[in-house]
Amino acid sequence: MTFNRVHRLTVLAIMVALDVLLTPLFRIEGMAFMSSVVNIIAGTFMTPLYAATMALIVAVIRILTQAGVASV
């Protein structure tokens, strides 16, 4: 049971890092941002609770680093 939780938290940390790094770099034209794609993948491979936690963590990281603000 503990191994499963540690495994999921490790995958969650990797998915958060990928989401933060890939979203500014890639965008599927005419579709959702890469962040939405990563959230769907997280919801599929892990439970929706982990996917919601991942989305919240990524949102806080973007707010704190101002990565979500487009500069003109």
N, C-alpha and C. Protein backbone atom coordinates (compact mmCIF):
# COMPACT_ATOMS: atom_id res chain seq x y z
N MET A 1 0.82 -1.19 0.00
CA MET A 1 0.00 0.00 0.00
C MET A 1 0.86 1.26 0.00
N THR A 2 1.93 1.27 0.80
CA THR A 2 2.80 2.44 0.86
C THR A 2 3.55 2.62 -0.44
N PHE A 3 3.98 1.49 -1.06
CA PHE A 3 4.69 1.58 -2.32
C PHE A 3 3.80 2.20 -3.40
N ASN A 4 2.53 1.84 -3.42
CA ASN A 4 1.61 2.36 -4.42
C ASN A 4 1.46 3.88 -4.25
N ARG A 5 1.37 4.35 -3.01
CA ARG A 5 1.22 5.78 -2.78
C ARG A 5 2.49 6.54 -3.16
N VAL A 6 3.63 5.99 -2.81
CA VAL A 6 4.91 6.62 -3.17
C VAL A 6 5.06 6.66 -4.69
N HIS A 7 4.66 5.58 -5.32
CA HIS A 7 4.74 5.51 -6.79
C HIS A 7 3.85 6.58 -7.42
N ARG A 8 2.64 6.72 -6.93
CA ARG A 8 1.73 7.73 -7.48
C ARG A 8 2.23 9.14 -7.23
N LEU A 9 2.79 9.39 -6.05
CA LEU A 9 3.33 10.73 -5.76
C LEU A 9 4.54 11.04 -6.64
N THR A 10 5.35 10.03 -6.92
CA THR A 10 6.49 10.22 -7.82
C THR A 10 6.02 10.55 -9.23
N VAL A 11 5.04 9.80 -9.70
CA VAL A 11 4.48 10.08 -11.03
C VAL A 11 3.83 11.46 -11.05
N LEU A 12 3.17 11.83 -9.97
CA LEU A 12 2.57 13.16 -9.87
C LEU A 12 3.62 14.25 -9.98
N ALA A 13 4.74 14.08 -9.30
CA ALA A 13 5.81 15.08 -9.35
C ALA A 13 6.39 15.19 -10.76
N ILE A 14 6.55 14.06 -11.42
CA ILE A 14 7.06 14.08 -12.79
C ILE A 14 6.07 14.76 -13.73
N MET A 15 4.78 14.47 -13.55
CA MET A 15 3.76 15.08 -14.40
C MET A 15 3.68 16.59 -14.17
N VAL A 16 3.86 17.03 -12.93
CA VAL A 16 3.86 18.47 -12.63
C VAL A 16 5.04 19.14 -13.34
N ALA A 17 6.21 18.51 -13.26
CA ALA A 17 7.39 19.08 -13.92
C ALA A 17 7.19 19.14 -15.43
N LEU A 18 6.66 18.09 -16.01
CA LEU A 18 6.40 18.08 -17.46
C LEU A 18 5.38 19.14 -17.84
N ASP A 19 4.35 19.29 -17.03
CA ASP A 19 3.32 20.29 -17.32
C ASP A 19 3.88 21.69 -17.28
N VAL A 20 4.70 21.98 -16.28
CA VAL A 20 5.28 23.33 -16.16
C VAL A 20 6.25 23.60 -17.31
N LEU A 21 7.00 22.59 -17.73
CA LEU A 21 7.99 22.79 -18.79
C LEU A 21 7.40 22.77 -20.19
N LEU A 22 6.44 21.91 -20.45
CA LEU A 22 5.94 21.73 -21.81
C LEU A 22 4.88 22.74 -22.23
N THR A 23 4.12 23.26 -21.28
CA THR A 23 3.02 24.15 -21.65
C THR A 23 3.48 25.41 -22.37
N PRO A 24 4.53 26.09 -21.93
CA PRO A 24 4.94 27.27 -22.71
C PRO A 24 5.59 26.91 -24.05
N LEU A 25 6.07 25.69 -24.20
CA LEU A 25 6.80 25.32 -25.41
C LEU A 25 5.90 24.80 -26.53
N PHE A 26 4.90 24.00 -26.18
CA PHE A 26 4.08 23.35 -27.19
C PHE A 26 2.63 23.79 -27.07
N ARG A 27 1.98 23.89 -28.22
CA ARG A 27 0.56 24.17 -28.26
C ARG A 27 -0.01 23.47 -29.48
N ILE A 28 -1.07 22.74 -29.28
CA ILE A 28 -1.75 22.09 -30.39
C ILE A 28 -2.68 23.13 -31.00
N GLU A 29 -2.42 23.53 -32.23
CA GLU A 29 -3.17 24.61 -32.86
C GLU A 29 -4.65 24.24 -32.99
N GLY A 30 -5.50 25.18 -32.63
CA GLY A 30 -6.93 24.97 -32.72
C GLY A 30 -7.49 24.09 -31.63
N MET A 31 -6.65 23.66 -30.72
CA MET A 31 -7.11 22.79 -29.64
C MET A 31 -6.64 23.36 -28.30
N ALA A 32 -6.66 22.53 -27.30
CA ALA A 32 -6.34 22.96 -25.95
C ALA A 32 -4.83 23.15 -25.78
N PHE A 33 -4.47 23.83 -24.72
CA PHE A 33 -3.07 23.98 -24.36
C PHE A 33 -2.51 22.63 -23.95
N MET A 34 -1.22 22.51 -23.91
CA MET A 34 -0.57 21.26 -23.51
C MET A 34 -0.92 20.91 -22.07
N SER A 35 -1.20 21.91 -21.26
CA SER A 35 -1.57 21.67 -19.87
C SER A 35 -2.84 20.83 -19.78
N SER A 36 -3.80 21.11 -20.63
CA SER A 36 -5.04 20.33 -20.63
C SER A 36 -4.78 18.89 -21.04
N VAL A 37 -3.90 18.70 -22.00
CA VAL A 37 -3.56 17.35 -22.44
C VAL A 37 -2.88 16.58 -21.31
N VAL A 38 -1.97 17.22 -20.60
CA VAL A 38 -1.28 16.57 -19.49
C VAL A 38 -2.28 16.26 -18.36
N ASN A 39 -3.24 17.15 -18.12
CA ASN A 39 -4.26 16.89 -17.10
C ASN A 39 -5.12 15.69 -17.47
N ILE A 40 -5.47 15.55 -18.73
CA ILE A 40 -6.26 14.39 -19.16
C ILE A 40 -5.45 13.11 -19.00
N ILE A 41 -4.18 13.16 -19.35
CA ILE A 41 -3.32 11.98 -19.18
C ILE A 41 -3.20 11.62 -17.70
N ALA A 42 -3.05 12.61 -16.84
CA ALA A 42 -2.96 12.35 -15.40
C ALA A 42 -4.26 11.77 -14.87
N GLY A 43 -5.38 12.27 -15.34
CA GLY A 43 -6.67 11.74 -14.90
C GLY A 43 -6.90 10.32 -15.37
N THR A 44 -6.29 9.96 -16.50
CA THR A 44 -6.44 8.61 -17.03
C THR A 44 -5.55 7.62 -16.29
N PHE A 45 -4.30 7.96 -16.09
CA PHE A 45 -3.36 7.04 -15.46
C PHE A 45 -3.47 7.00 -13.95
N MET A 46 -3.87 8.12 -13.35
CA MET A 46 -4.04 8.17 -11.90
C MET A 46 -5.51 8.48 -11.63
N THR A 47 -5.87 8.68 -10.40
CA THR A 47 -7.26 9.01 -10.09
C THR A 47 -7.53 10.49 -10.37
N PRO A 48 -8.79 10.86 -10.54
CA PRO A 48 -9.10 12.28 -10.76
C PRO A 48 -8.66 13.18 -9.62
N LEU A 49 -8.57 12.63 -8.41
CA LEU A 49 -8.09 13.43 -7.28
C LEU A 49 -6.63 13.85 -7.48
N TYR A 50 -5.81 12.94 -7.96
CA TYR A 50 -4.41 13.27 -8.25
C TYR A 50 -4.32 14.27 -9.41
N ALA A 51 -5.20 14.14 -10.40
CA ALA A 51 -5.18 15.07 -11.53
C ALA A 51 -5.59 16.47 -11.07
N ALA A 52 -6.57 16.57 -10.20
CA ALA A 52 -6.98 17.87 -9.68
C ALA A 52 -5.88 18.48 -8.81
N THR A 53 -5.22 17.65 -8.03
CA THR A 53 -4.09 18.12 -7.21
C THR A 53 -2.97 18.62 -8.10
N MET A 54 -2.70 17.90 -9.18
CA MET A 54 -1.66 18.31 -10.11
C MET A 54 -2.00 19.66 -10.74
N ALA A 55 -3.24 19.83 -11.17
CA ALA A 55 -3.65 21.08 -11.78
C ALA A 55 -3.53 22.25 -10.80
N LEU A 56 -3.87 22.01 -9.54
CA LEU A 56 -3.75 23.06 -8.53
C LEU A 56 -2.29 23.43 -8.28
N ILE A 57 -1.43 22.43 -8.18
CA ILE A 57 0.00 22.69 -7.95
C ILE A 57 0.60 23.46 -9.12
N VAL A 58 0.27 23.05 -10.35
CA VAL A 58 0.80 23.73 -11.53
C VAL A 58 0.28 25.16 -11.60
N ALA A 59 -0.98 25.38 -11.25
CA ALA A 59 -1.53 26.74 -11.27
C ALA A 59 -0.81 27.63 -10.26
N VAL A 60 -0.54 27.11 -9.07
CA VAL A 60 0.17 27.89 -8.06
C VAL A 60 1.60 28.20 -8.52
N ILE A 61 2.26 27.23 -9.13
CA ILE A 61 3.62 27.47 -9.64
C ILE A 61 3.60 28.55 -10.71
N ARG A 62 2.62 28.49 -11.61
CA ARG A 62 2.55 29.51 -12.66
C ARG A 62 2.24 30.89 -12.10
N ILE A 63 1.39 30.96 -11.10
CA ILE A 63 1.07 32.26 -10.50
C ILE A 63 2.30 32.83 -9.79
N LEU A 64 3.02 31.97 -9.06
CA LEU A 64 4.18 32.46 -8.32
C LEU A 64 5.34 32.85 -9.23
N THR A 65 5.48 32.19 -10.38
CA THR A 65 6.57 32.52 -11.29
C THR A 65 6.16 33.45 -12.41
N GLN A 66 4.90 33.82 -12.43
CA GLN A 66 4.37 34.69 -13.49
C GLN A 66 4.52 34.07 -14.87
N ALA A 67 4.53 32.75 -14.95
CA ALA A 67 4.69 32.07 -16.24
C ALA A 67 3.41 32.10 -17.06
N GLY A 68 2.27 32.31 -16.41
CA GLY A 68 1.01 32.33 -17.14
C GLY A 68 0.67 33.70 -17.71
N VAL A 69 1.51 34.70 -17.47
CA VAL A 69 1.25 36.05 -17.95
C VAL A 69 1.96 36.27 -19.27
N ALA A 70 1.20 36.64 -20.27
CA ALA A 70 1.79 36.92 -21.58
C ALA A 70 2.28 38.35 -21.61
N SER A 71 3.53 38.54 -21.92
CA SER A 71 4.08 39.89 -22.01
C SER A 71 3.96 40.39 -23.44
N VAL A 72 3.62 41.67 -23.55
CA VAL A 72 3.42 42.26 -24.89
C VAL A 72 4.53 43.21 -25.18
